[in-house]
Amino acid sequence: MFYCDESSLGNGMTLHIVWHFGAGFGAYLGIVSMENCRCVALNKACELRYILGFIPYMKLVQSPKID
């Protein structure tokens, strides 16, 4: 709390903001991992894709319909 007013990375940007970003991104990665585990457990075809080259997400792969 003593360093909240001290700006080390720019105007109003403290290391605490960077910590919050990292914590949120880590939680998101945990959710994506659980999505992958669920797809494997349910025998669903899925693949890992990326937004902007570094933000992962799971995409279900649709199997072709056989008439």
Protein backbone atom coordinates (compact mmCIF):
# COMPACT_ATOMS: atom_id res chain seq x y z
CA MET A 1 0.00 0.00 0.00
CA PHE A 2 2.93 2.33 0.55
CA TYR A 3 3.94 2.14 -3.13
CA CYS A 4 0.49 2.55 -4.75
CA ASP A 5 1.17 6.18 -5.68
CA GLU A 6 4.67 5.44 -6.96
CA SER A 7 4.69 5.02 -10.72
CA SER A 8 7.38 2.63 -11.94
CA LEU A 9 6.07 1.69 -15.41
CA GLY A 10 4.44 4.89 -16.64
CA ASN A 11 1.63 7.21 -15.74
CA GLY A 12 -0.24 5.44 -12.93
CA MET A 13 1.04 2.00 -13.96
CA THR A 14 2.42 0.13 -10.98
CA LEU A 15 3.67 -3.43 -10.66
CA HIS A 16 0.44 -4.30 -8.86
CA ILE A 17 -1.46 -3.76 -12.13
CA VAL A 18 0.94 -6.13 -13.88
CA TRP A 19 0.35 -8.69 -11.11
CA HIS A 20 -3.44 -8.44 -11.62
CA PHE A 21 -3.03 -8.96 -15.37
CA GLY A 22 -0.87 -12.03 -14.76
CA ALA A 23 -3.30 -13.47 -12.22
CA GLY A 24 -6.25 -12.99 -14.57
CA PHE A 25 -4.41 -14.51 -17.53
CA GLY A 26 -3.32 -17.46 -15.38
CA ALA A 27 -6.93 -18.07 -14.32
CA TYR A 28 -7.99 -17.95 -17.97
CA LEU A 29 -5.30 -20.50 -18.90
CA GLY A 30 -6.59 -22.76 -16.11
CA ILE A 31 -10.11 -22.60 -17.56
CA VAL A 32 -8.80 -23.43 -21.05
CA SER A 33 -6.95 -26.42 -19.56
CA MET A 34 -10.15 -27.64 -17.90
CA GLU A 35 -11.99 -27.28 -21.22
CA ASN A 36 -9.36 -29.49 -22.83
CA CYS A 37 -9.68 -32.10 -20.05
CA ARG A 38 -13.46 -32.11 -20.45
CA CYS A 39 -13.23 -32.62 -24.22
CA VAL A 40 -10.85 -35.54 -23.71
CA ALA A 41 -13.07 -37.09 -21.02
CA LEU A 42 -16.18 -36.79 -23.23
CA ASN A 43 -14.33 -38.07 -26.34
CA LYS A 44 -15.02 -34.83 -28.23
CA ALA A 45 -12.71 -33.78 -31.04
CA CYS A 46 -11.17 -30.42 -30.22
CA GLU A 47 -8.13 -28.40 -31.19
CA LEU A 48 -6.16 -25.62 -29.59
CA ARG A 49 -6.16 -22.33 -31.51
CA TYR A 50 -4.71 -18.90 -30.77
CA ILE A 51 -5.99 -15.33 -30.90
CA LEU A 52 -3.27 -12.79 -31.75
CA GLY A 53 -0.73 -15.59 -31.63
CA PHE A 54 -0.58 -16.00 -27.82
CA ILE A 55 -4.12 -16.21 -26.36
CA PRO A 56 -5.23 -19.85 -26.55
CA TYR A 57 -8.79 -21.12 -26.89
CA MET A 58 -10.36 -24.52 -27.52
CA LYS A 59 -12.45 -25.12 -30.63
CA LEU A 60 -14.68 -28.14 -31.05
CA VAL A 61 -14.11 -29.91 -34.35
CA GLN A 62 -17.32 -30.94 -36.06
CA SER A 63 -17.23 -34.40 -37.57
CA PRO A 64 -18.70 -34.65 -41.08
CA LYS A 65 -22.27 -35.93 -41.27
CA ILE A 66 -22.73 -39.30 -42.94
CA ASP A 67 -26.06 -39.61 -44.79
